[in-house]
Amino acid sequence: MMKRLVLMLVAMAVMATLFTGCSKAGTDVTAAEIMDAIKEAYGEEYLPNTEIPAEFLESEFGLTPDMYKEVKAEQPMIGMHPDRVVVVEAAEGKAEAVEDALNAARERKLGDTMQYPMNLPKIHATKVVAEGDFVCFLLVGAINENMDMPEEEAKQFAEDEVEKGVQAFTGLFK
C-alpha cells in the first residue's frame, strides 16, 4: 500500500513538472527574450542598434529606476530615424505606471512638430502593449522607400510594420 502511494505521488510530481514546464507564463519570459523576438520579427529591417541609456529612459519615456526590474531599450544611431523599442519588466505593482509613462511618451511624440515629414506615419503608428508586468513601446518598422505613396497607404504600411512587433511581443505570452 505504501509503495503505491509513493509511486502515485512521484507520478503526480512528474506530471505537475511536465505541465508547468510547458507553460510560457509572463514570469518565464525576460525583457531580453522579448527584445530578441522583436528583432527577429523585423530581421534586417530592424533599425534600432544602440542601447538607450537610463538617463534618456527617464527624460524621453518618464521611466525611473524604481519603476522597473529590467529594461531593454534601443534606438538607431542615425538621428533622423524615429525608431524606438522599449521593453520593460515593471517592478511589482508598477505595470500600470509604466504603461501610463510609455503612453505619455507616445503622446509627446505625436505632438512633436519637429519631426521629418517622412517619419509621421511611423510615429502615428506607435503602439504601447502590455502583458502582465511587461510593457513594450513600439515605434519601429521598415523604412517606406516610396515617398510618393498616398497618405492612407503610408499610414497602413507603418501600422503593418508596427504590428510585426506587437505579434512578436504577444506571441511570447500564448
N, C-alpha and C. Protein backbone atom coordinates (compact mmCIF):
# COMPACT_ATOMS: atom_id res chain seq x y z
N MET A 1 0.82 -1.19 0.00
CA MET A 1 0.00 0.00 0.00
C MET A 1 0.87 1.27 0.00
N MET A 2 1.89 1.30 0.84
CA MET A 2 2.78 2.45 0.92
C MET A 2 3.53 2.65 -0.39
N LYS A 3 3.91 1.52 -1.04
CA LYS A 3 4.62 1.60 -2.31
C LYS A 3 3.76 2.30 -3.37
N ARG A 4 2.48 1.92 -3.42
CA ARG A 4 1.56 2.53 -4.39
C ARG A 4 1.40 4.02 -4.13
N LEU A 5 1.27 4.38 -2.88
CA LEU A 5 1.12 5.78 -2.52
C LEU A 5 2.35 6.58 -2.94
N VAL A 6 3.53 6.06 -2.68
CA VAL A 6 4.77 6.74 -3.07
C VAL A 6 4.85 6.85 -4.59
N LEU A 7 4.55 5.75 -5.29
CA LEU A 7 4.57 5.78 -6.76
C LEU A 7 3.57 6.79 -7.31
N MET A 8 2.38 6.84 -6.72
CA MET A 8 1.38 7.79 -7.18
C MET A 8 1.84 9.23 -6.94
N LEU A 9 2.42 9.51 -5.80
CA LEU A 9 2.93 10.84 -5.50
C LEU A 9 4.06 11.24 -6.45
N VAL A 10 4.95 10.31 -6.73
CA VAL A 10 6.04 10.57 -7.68
C VAL A 10 5.46 10.85 -9.06
N ALA A 11 4.51 10.04 -9.48
CA ALA A 11 3.88 10.23 -10.80
C ALA A 11 3.20 11.59 -10.88
N MET A 12 2.51 11.99 -9.81
CA MET A 12 1.84 13.30 -9.79
C MET A 12 2.86 14.43 -9.84
N ALA A 13 3.96 14.27 -9.14
CA ALA A 13 5.00 15.30 -9.15
C ALA A 13 5.60 15.45 -10.54
N VAL A 14 5.85 14.32 -11.21
CA VAL A 14 6.39 14.35 -12.57
C VAL A 14 5.40 15.03 -13.51
N MET A 15 4.12 14.70 -13.40
CA MET A 15 3.09 15.31 -14.26
C MET A 15 3.02 16.81 -14.02
N ALA A 16 3.05 17.21 -12.76
CA ALA A 16 2.98 18.64 -12.44
C ALA A 16 4.18 19.37 -13.03
N THR A 17 5.34 18.77 -12.95
CA THR A 17 6.55 19.37 -13.51
C THR A 17 6.45 19.48 -15.02
N LEU A 18 5.96 18.45 -15.66
CA LEU A 18 5.81 18.48 -17.11
C LEU A 18 4.86 19.57 -17.56
N PHE A 19 3.71 19.68 -16.90
CA PHE A 19 2.72 20.66 -17.32
C PHE A 19 3.15 22.08 -17.03
N THR A 20 3.79 22.33 -15.92
CA THR A 20 4.23 23.69 -15.64
C THR A 20 5.43 24.05 -16.49
N GLY A 21 6.22 23.10 -16.88
CA GLY A 21 7.37 23.37 -17.75
C GLY A 21 6.97 23.76 -19.15
N CYS A 22 5.76 23.38 -19.57
CA CYS A 22 5.29 23.67 -20.92
C CYS A 22 4.64 25.04 -21.02
N SER A 23 4.31 25.65 -19.91
CA SER A 23 3.63 26.93 -19.99
C SER A 23 4.64 28.03 -20.25
N LYS A 24 4.16 29.10 -20.88
CA LYS A 24 5.01 30.25 -21.16
C LYS A 24 4.37 31.46 -20.48
N ALA A 25 4.18 31.37 -19.20
CA ALA A 25 3.59 32.46 -18.45
C ALA A 25 4.55 33.64 -18.45
N GLY A 26 3.99 34.83 -18.16
CA GLY A 26 4.79 36.04 -18.19
C GLY A 26 6.04 35.97 -17.36
N THR A 27 6.01 35.23 -16.26
CA THR A 27 7.18 35.17 -15.40
C THR A 27 8.30 34.34 -16.02
N ASP A 28 7.99 33.55 -17.05
CA ASP A 28 9.00 32.72 -17.69
C ASP A 28 9.75 33.47 -18.80
N VAL A 29 9.32 34.66 -19.10
CA VAL A 29 9.90 35.45 -20.19
C VAL A 29 10.74 36.56 -19.58
N THR A 30 11.79 36.95 -20.28
CA THR A 30 12.60 38.09 -19.83
C THR A 30 12.48 39.22 -20.84
N ALA A 31 12.83 40.41 -20.42
CA ALA A 31 12.83 41.55 -21.33
C ALA A 31 13.79 41.30 -22.49
N ALA A 32 14.91 40.66 -22.22
CA ALA A 32 15.88 40.35 -23.27
C ALA A 32 15.29 39.40 -24.31
N GLU A 33 14.53 38.40 -23.85
CA GLU A 33 13.90 37.46 -24.79
C GLU A 33 12.85 38.15 -25.64
N ILE A 34 12.11 39.07 -25.03
CA ILE A 34 11.12 39.83 -25.79
C ILE A 34 11.81 40.68 -26.84
N MET A 35 12.88 41.37 -26.45
CA MET A 35 13.63 42.20 -27.40
C MET A 35 14.16 41.34 -28.54
N ASP A 36 14.70 40.18 -28.23
CA ASP A 36 15.21 39.28 -29.28
C ASP A 36 14.10 38.86 -30.24
N ALA A 37 12.92 38.57 -29.72
CA ALA A 37 11.79 38.17 -30.57
C ALA A 37 11.37 39.31 -31.49
N ILE A 38 11.38 40.52 -30.97
CA ILE A 38 11.02 41.69 -31.78
C ILE A 38 12.06 41.90 -32.88
N LYS A 39 13.33 41.82 -32.53
CA LYS A 39 14.39 41.97 -33.53
C LYS A 39 14.25 40.91 -34.62
N GLU A 40 13.97 39.69 -34.20
CA GLU A 40 13.83 38.59 -35.16
C GLU A 40 12.65 38.83 -36.10
N ALA A 41 11.58 39.42 -35.60
CA ALA A 41 10.40 39.69 -36.42
C ALA A 41 10.71 40.65 -37.56
N TYR A 42 11.65 41.55 -37.35
CA TYR A 42 11.99 42.55 -38.36
C TYR A 42 13.20 42.17 -39.21
N GLY A 43 14.03 41.30 -38.70
CA GLY A 43 15.21 40.89 -39.45
C GLY A 43 16.08 42.09 -39.79
N GLU A 44 16.47 42.21 -41.04
CA GLU A 44 17.35 43.30 -41.47
C GLU A 44 16.66 44.66 -41.47
N GLU A 45 15.34 44.67 -41.35
CA GLU A 45 14.59 45.93 -41.33
C GLU A 45 14.57 46.56 -39.93
N TYR A 46 15.17 45.89 -38.95
CA TYR A 46 15.21 46.41 -37.58
C TYR A 46 16.30 47.47 -37.50
N LEU A 47 15.90 48.72 -37.33
CA LEU A 47 16.86 49.83 -37.35
C LEU A 47 17.52 50.16 -36.01
N PRO A 48 16.82 50.03 -34.88
CA PRO A 48 17.48 50.37 -33.61
C PRO A 48 18.71 49.49 -33.38
N ASN A 49 19.83 50.12 -33.13
CA ASN A 49 21.07 49.37 -32.95
C ASN A 49 21.93 49.91 -31.81
N THR A 50 21.36 50.84 -31.05
CA THR A 50 22.10 51.47 -29.96
C THR A 50 21.24 51.45 -28.70
N GLU A 51 21.84 51.01 -27.60
CA GLU A 51 21.11 50.97 -26.34
C GLU A 51 20.77 52.38 -25.88
N ILE A 52 19.57 52.55 -25.37
CA ILE A 52 19.15 53.84 -24.82
C ILE A 52 19.59 53.88 -23.36
N PRO A 53 20.43 54.86 -22.99
CA PRO A 53 20.91 54.94 -21.60
C PRO A 53 19.79 55.29 -20.61
N ALA A 54 20.00 54.93 -19.36
CA ALA A 54 19.00 55.13 -18.30
C ALA A 54 18.53 56.58 -18.20
N GLU A 55 19.45 57.54 -18.36
CA GLU A 55 19.04 58.95 -18.23
C GLU A 55 18.07 59.35 -19.34
N PHE A 56 18.21 58.75 -20.53
CA PHE A 56 17.27 59.04 -21.62
C PHE A 56 15.96 58.29 -21.42
N LEU A 57 16.01 57.15 -20.76
CA LEU A 57 14.76 56.45 -20.44
C LEU A 57 13.88 57.34 -19.57
N GLU A 58 14.53 58.06 -18.67
CA GLU A 58 13.78 58.95 -17.79
C GLU A 58 13.32 60.21 -18.53
N SER A 59 14.22 60.84 -19.29
CA SER A 59 13.84 62.10 -19.94
C SER A 59 12.89 61.89 -21.12
N GLU A 60 13.06 60.84 -21.89
CA GLU A 60 12.22 60.63 -23.07
C GLU A 60 10.96 59.83 -22.77
N PHE A 61 11.06 58.88 -21.84
CA PHE A 61 9.95 57.97 -21.60
C PHE A 61 9.33 58.08 -20.20
N GLY A 62 9.95 58.86 -19.32
CA GLY A 62 9.40 59.02 -17.97
C GLY A 62 9.59 57.80 -17.09
N LEU A 63 10.55 56.95 -17.45
CA LEU A 63 10.81 55.73 -16.67
C LEU A 63 11.93 55.96 -15.67
N THR A 64 11.60 55.86 -14.41
CA THR A 64 12.60 56.00 -13.36
C THR A 64 12.98 54.60 -12.87
N PRO A 65 14.19 54.43 -12.36
CA PRO A 65 14.67 53.11 -11.96
C PRO A 65 13.77 52.36 -10.98
N ASP A 66 13.02 53.07 -10.16
CA ASP A 66 12.13 52.40 -9.21
C ASP A 66 10.91 51.77 -9.89
N MET A 67 10.70 52.08 -11.16
CA MET A 67 9.53 51.59 -11.89
C MET A 67 9.75 50.23 -12.55
N TYR A 68 11.00 49.79 -12.65
CA TYR A 68 11.24 48.56 -13.40
C TYR A 68 12.28 47.66 -12.75
N LYS A 69 12.14 46.36 -13.09
CA LYS A 69 13.14 45.36 -12.72
C LYS A 69 14.20 45.27 -13.80
N GLU A 70 13.73 45.29 -15.05
CA GLU A 70 14.63 45.14 -16.20
C GLU A 70 14.08 45.96 -17.36
N VAL A 71 14.98 46.56 -18.12
CA VAL A 71 14.60 47.30 -19.32
C VAL A 71 15.59 46.96 -20.42
N LYS A 72 15.06 46.76 -21.61
CA LYS A 72 15.86 46.66 -22.82
C LYS A 72 15.30 47.73 -23.74
N ALA A 73 16.14 48.67 -24.14
CA ALA A 73 15.66 49.79 -24.95
C ALA A 73 16.71 50.14 -26.00
N GLU A 74 16.25 50.32 -27.23
CA GLU A 74 17.17 50.62 -28.33
C GLU A 74 16.58 51.68 -29.25
N GLN A 75 17.51 52.39 -29.89
CA GLN A 75 17.17 53.38 -30.91
C GLN A 75 18.26 53.33 -31.97
N PRO A 76 17.99 53.89 -33.16
CA PRO A 76 19.03 53.89 -34.19
C PRO A 76 20.14 54.88 -33.84
N MET A 77 21.32 54.59 -34.31
CA MET A 77 22.43 55.50 -34.13
C MET A 77 22.22 56.77 -34.97
N ILE A 78 21.57 56.59 -36.12
CA ILE A 78 21.30 57.72 -37.02
C ILE A 78 20.08 58.47 -36.50
N GLY A 79 20.25 59.75 -36.21
CA GLY A 79 19.21 60.55 -35.57
C GLY A 79 17.97 60.83 -36.37
N MET A 80 18.00 60.69 -37.69
CA MET A 80 16.81 61.03 -38.47
C MET A 80 15.73 59.95 -38.42
N HIS A 81 16.06 58.78 -37.91
CA HIS A 81 15.08 57.70 -37.80
C HIS A 81 14.44 57.76 -36.42
N PRO A 82 13.11 57.75 -36.35
CA PRO A 82 12.43 57.89 -35.05
C PRO A 82 12.33 56.59 -34.26
N ASP A 83 12.74 55.47 -34.84
CA ASP A 83 12.51 54.16 -34.24
C ASP A 83 13.00 54.08 -32.79
N ARG A 84 12.14 53.49 -31.96
CA ARG A 84 12.46 53.23 -30.56
C ARG A 84 11.74 51.94 -30.18
N VAL A 85 12.44 51.06 -29.50
CA VAL A 85 11.81 49.88 -28.92
C VAL A 85 12.23 49.85 -27.46
N VAL A 86 11.24 49.85 -26.59
CA VAL A 86 11.49 49.82 -25.15
C VAL A 86 10.67 48.66 -24.57
N VAL A 87 11.36 47.72 -23.97
CA VAL A 87 10.72 46.57 -23.33
C VAL A 87 11.00 46.67 -21.84
N VAL A 88 9.95 46.72 -21.05
CA VAL A 88 10.08 46.93 -19.61
C VAL A 88 9.44 45.78 -18.84
N GLU A 89 10.19 45.24 -17.90
CA GLU A 89 9.58 44.38 -16.90
C GLU A 89 9.38 45.28 -15.68
N ALA A 90 8.14 45.60 -15.42
CA ALA A 90 7.82 46.55 -14.35
C ALA A 90 8.12 45.96 -12.98
N ALA A 91 8.49 46.84 -12.08
CA ALA A 91 8.64 46.43 -10.68
C ALA A 91 7.25 46.07 -10.16
N GLU A 92 7.23 45.31 -9.09
CA GLU A 92 5.95 44.86 -8.54
C GLU A 92 5.02 46.04 -8.27
N GLY A 93 3.82 45.95 -8.82
CA GLY A 93 2.81 46.98 -8.63
C GLY A 93 2.99 48.21 -9.49
N LYS A 94 3.96 48.21 -10.40
CA LYS A 94 4.26 49.40 -11.21
C LYS A 94 3.89 49.26 -12.68
N ALA A 95 3.29 48.14 -13.09
CA ALA A 95 2.99 47.93 -14.51
C ALA A 95 2.10 49.02 -15.08
N GLU A 96 1.09 49.42 -14.34
CA GLU A 96 0.18 50.46 -14.82
C GLU A 96 0.91 51.80 -14.95
N ALA A 97 1.77 52.12 -14.00
CA ALA A 97 2.54 53.37 -14.06
C ALA A 97 3.49 53.36 -15.25
N VAL A 98 4.10 52.21 -15.53
CA VAL A 98 4.99 52.08 -16.69
C VAL A 98 4.19 52.27 -17.97
N GLU A 99 3.05 51.61 -18.05
CA GLU A 99 2.21 51.75 -19.25
C GLU A 99 1.77 53.20 -19.44
N ASP A 100 1.38 53.86 -18.36
CA ASP A 100 1.00 55.27 -18.44
C ASP A 100 2.16 56.14 -18.93
N ALA A 101 3.36 55.88 -18.41
CA ALA A 101 4.55 56.65 -18.81
C ALA A 101 4.84 56.45 -20.30
N LEU A 102 4.75 55.22 -20.77
CA LEU A 102 5.04 54.95 -22.18
C LEU A 102 3.95 55.52 -23.09
N ASN A 103 2.70 55.50 -22.64
CA ASN A 103 1.63 56.13 -23.42
C ASN A 103 1.81 57.65 -23.46
N ALA A 104 2.27 58.23 -22.36
CA ALA A 104 2.54 59.67 -22.34
C ALA A 104 3.69 60.01 -23.29
N ALA A 105 4.70 59.15 -23.35
CA ALA A 105 5.81 59.35 -24.29
C ALA A 105 5.30 59.28 -25.72
N ARG A 106 4.39 58.35 -25.99
CA ARG A 106 3.79 58.23 -27.32
C ARG A 106 3.06 59.53 -27.68
N GLU A 107 2.28 60.04 -26.74
CA GLU A 107 1.53 61.28 -26.98
C GLU A 107 2.48 62.46 -27.24
N ARG A 108 3.58 62.51 -26.51
CA ARG A 108 4.57 63.58 -26.75
C ARG A 108 5.16 63.48 -28.15
N LYS A 109 5.45 62.24 -28.57
CA LYS A 109 5.99 62.04 -29.93
C LYS A 109 4.98 62.53 -30.96
N LEU A 110 3.70 62.19 -30.75
CA LEU A 110 2.67 62.61 -31.70
C LEU A 110 2.54 64.12 -31.76
N GLY A 111 2.75 64.79 -30.65
CA GLY A 111 2.63 66.24 -30.59
C GLY A 111 3.88 66.99 -31.02
N ASP A 112 4.97 66.29 -31.22
CA ASP A 112 6.24 66.92 -31.60
C ASP A 112 6.18 67.33 -33.07
N THR A 113 6.15 68.62 -33.30
CA THR A 113 6.07 69.12 -34.68
C THR A 113 7.43 69.18 -35.37
N MET A 114 8.48 68.85 -34.65
CA MET A 114 9.83 68.91 -35.21
C MET A 114 10.26 67.54 -35.74
N GLN A 115 9.38 66.86 -36.43
CA GLN A 115 9.68 65.55 -37.00
C GLN A 115 9.85 65.67 -38.51
N TYR A 116 10.66 64.80 -39.07
CA TYR A 116 10.76 64.73 -40.52
C TYR A 116 9.42 64.26 -41.05
N PRO A 117 8.88 64.92 -42.10
CA PRO A 117 7.57 64.52 -42.64
C PRO A 117 7.49 63.04 -43.02
N MET A 118 8.59 62.49 -43.50
CA MET A 118 8.59 61.08 -43.91
C MET A 118 8.38 60.13 -42.72
N ASN A 119 8.64 60.63 -41.50
CA ASN A 119 8.51 59.79 -40.31
C ASN A 119 7.12 59.85 -39.66
N LEU A 120 6.29 60.78 -40.08
CA LEU A 120 5.00 60.97 -39.42
C LEU A 120 4.11 59.73 -39.42
N PRO A 121 3.96 59.00 -40.54
CA PRO A 121 3.12 57.79 -40.47
C PRO A 121 3.64 56.77 -39.46
N LYS A 122 4.95 56.61 -39.39
CA LYS A 122 5.53 55.66 -38.44
C LYS A 122 5.27 56.11 -37.00
N ILE A 123 5.44 57.38 -36.74
CA ILE A 123 5.21 57.92 -35.40
C ILE A 123 3.74 57.74 -34.99
N HIS A 124 2.83 57.99 -35.93
CA HIS A 124 1.41 57.83 -35.63
C HIS A 124 1.01 56.37 -35.43
N ALA A 125 1.81 55.45 -35.94
CA ALA A 125 1.52 54.02 -35.79
C ALA A 125 2.07 53.44 -34.48
N THR A 126 2.80 54.23 -33.72
CA THR A 126 3.40 53.77 -32.47
C THR A 126 2.36 53.09 -31.57
N LYS A 127 2.78 51.99 -30.95
CA LYS A 127 1.88 51.28 -30.03
C LYS A 127 2.58 50.99 -28.72
N VAL A 128 1.79 50.96 -27.68
CA VAL A 128 2.23 50.50 -26.37
C VAL A 128 1.38 49.28 -26.05
N VAL A 129 2.03 48.16 -25.80
CA VAL A 129 1.33 46.91 -25.49
C VAL A 129 1.80 46.39 -24.14
N ALA A 130 0.91 45.69 -23.46
CA ALA A 130 1.24 45.18 -22.12
C ALA A 130 0.71 43.78 -21.93
N GLU A 131 1.45 43.03 -21.15
CA GLU A 131 1.05 41.67 -20.76
C GLU A 131 1.64 41.41 -19.38
N GLY A 132 0.79 41.35 -18.37
CA GLY A 132 1.29 41.15 -17.01
C GLY A 132 2.19 42.30 -16.60
N ASP A 133 3.40 41.99 -16.16
CA ASP A 133 4.35 43.02 -15.74
C ASP A 133 5.21 43.54 -16.88
N PHE A 134 4.98 43.07 -18.09
CA PHE A 134 5.78 43.52 -19.24
C PHE A 134 5.01 44.54 -20.05
N VAL A 135 5.70 45.64 -20.37
CA VAL A 135 5.11 46.70 -21.18
C VAL A 135 6.12 47.04 -22.26
N CYS A 136 5.62 47.27 -23.47
CA CYS A 136 6.51 47.49 -24.61
C CYS A 136 6.06 48.70 -25.42
N PHE A 137 7.00 49.57 -25.72
CA PHE A 137 6.80 50.74 -26.58
C PHE A 137 7.37 50.39 -27.94
N LEU A 138 6.53 50.44 -28.97
CA LEU A 138 6.96 50.04 -30.32
C LEU A 138 6.79 51.17 -31.32
N LEU A 139 7.87 51.80 -31.65
CA LEU A 139 7.96 52.78 -32.73
C LEU A 139 9.05 52.21 -33.63
N VAL A 140 8.64 51.33 -34.53
CA VAL A 140 9.62 50.51 -35.23
C VAL A 140 9.04 50.00 -36.54
N GLY A 141 9.91 49.72 -37.48
CA GLY A 141 9.48 49.12 -38.74
C GLY A 141 10.38 49.51 -39.89
N ALA A 142 10.13 48.85 -41.00
CA ALA A 142 10.92 49.12 -42.21
C ALA A 142 10.72 50.56 -42.67
N ILE A 143 11.70 51.06 -43.36
CA ILE A 143 11.60 52.39 -43.96
C ILE A 143 10.74 52.28 -45.21
N ASN A 144 9.78 53.18 -45.31
CA ASN A 144 8.95 53.22 -46.51
C ASN A 144 9.70 54.04 -47.56
N GLU A 145 10.23 53.35 -48.55
CA GLU A 145 11.04 53.99 -49.58
C GLU A 145 10.20 54.74 -50.62
N ASN A 146 8.89 54.48 -50.66
CA ASN A 146 8.01 55.10 -51.64
C ASN A 146 7.51 56.44 -51.12
N MET A 147 8.23 57.49 -51.45
CA MET A 147 7.88 58.83 -50.98
C MET A 147 6.61 59.37 -51.64
N ASP A 148 6.19 58.75 -52.75
CA ASP A 148 5.00 59.20 -53.46
C ASP A 148 3.75 58.43 -53.06
N MET A 149 3.87 57.56 -52.09
CA MET A 149 2.74 56.75 -51.65
C MET A 149 1.66 57.66 -51.07
N PRO A 150 0.40 57.43 -51.43
CA PRO A 150 -0.69 58.22 -50.83
C PRO A 150 -0.68 58.09 -49.31
N GLU A 151 -1.16 59.12 -48.64
CA GLU A 151 -1.11 59.19 -47.18
C GLU A 151 -1.73 57.98 -46.50
N GLU A 152 -2.89 57.54 -46.96
CA GLU A 152 -3.56 56.38 -46.34
C GLU A 152 -2.73 55.11 -46.49
N GLU A 153 -2.10 54.94 -47.64
CA GLU A 153 -1.26 53.76 -47.86
C GLU A 153 -0.01 53.81 -46.98
N ALA A 154 0.56 55.00 -46.85
CA ALA A 154 1.74 55.16 -45.99
C ALA A 154 1.38 54.86 -44.54
N LYS A 155 0.20 55.30 -44.13
CA LYS A 155 -0.28 55.03 -42.78
C LYS A 155 -0.45 53.52 -42.58
N GLN A 156 -1.05 52.85 -43.55
CA GLN A 156 -1.26 51.41 -43.45
C GLN A 156 0.07 50.65 -43.43
N PHE A 157 1.02 51.10 -44.25
CA PHE A 157 2.35 50.49 -44.28
C PHE A 157 2.98 50.55 -42.89
N ALA A 158 2.94 51.73 -42.28
CA ALA A 158 3.54 51.91 -40.95
C ALA A 158 2.82 51.07 -39.89
N GLU A 159 1.50 51.02 -39.95
CA GLU A 159 0.74 50.22 -38.99
C GLU A 159 1.06 48.74 -39.14
N ASP A 160 1.18 48.27 -40.38
CA ASP A 160 1.53 46.87 -40.62
C ASP A 160 2.91 46.54 -40.08
N GLU A 161 3.83 47.49 -40.22
CA GLU A 161 5.18 47.28 -39.71
C GLU A 161 5.19 47.19 -38.18
N VAL A 162 4.50 48.07 -37.52
CA VAL A 162 4.45 48.04 -36.05
C VAL A 162 3.77 46.76 -35.58
N GLU A 163 2.79 46.30 -36.33
CA GLU A 163 2.06 45.09 -35.94
C GLU A 163 2.99 43.87 -35.86
N LYS A 164 4.06 43.86 -36.63
CA LYS A 164 5.04 42.76 -36.53
C LYS A 164 5.61 42.69 -35.11
N GLY A 165 5.92 43.84 -34.55
CA GLY A 165 6.44 43.89 -33.19
C GLY A 165 5.39 43.50 -32.16
N VAL A 166 4.16 43.95 -32.39
CA VAL A 166 3.06 43.59 -31.49
C VAL A 166 2.89 42.07 -31.46
N GLN A 167 2.90 41.45 -32.64
CA GLN A 167 2.73 40.00 -32.73
C GLN A 167 3.90 39.26 -32.07
N ALA A 168 5.11 39.77 -32.25
CA ALA A 168 6.28 39.14 -31.62
C ALA A 168 6.15 39.21 -30.10
N PHE A 169 5.70 40.34 -29.59
CA PHE A 169 5.51 40.53 -28.15
C PHE A 169 4.42 39.60 -27.62
N THR A 170 3.23 39.69 -28.20
CA THR A 170 2.10 38.91 -27.67
C THR A 170 2.30 37.41 -27.88
N GLY A 171 3.02 37.03 -28.92
CA GLY A 171 3.25 35.61 -29.19
C GLY A 171 4.02 34.90 -28.10
N LEU A 172 4.79 35.63 -27.34
CA LEU A 172 5.56 35.03 -26.25
C LEU A 172 4.71 34.69 -25.03
N PHE A 173 3.50 35.20 -25.00
CA PHE A 173 2.64 35.00 -23.84
C PHE A 173 1.48 34.04 -24.11
N LYS A 174 1.50 33.40 -25.26
CA LYS A 174 0.43 32.46 -25.61
C LYS A 174 0.78 31.07 -25.19
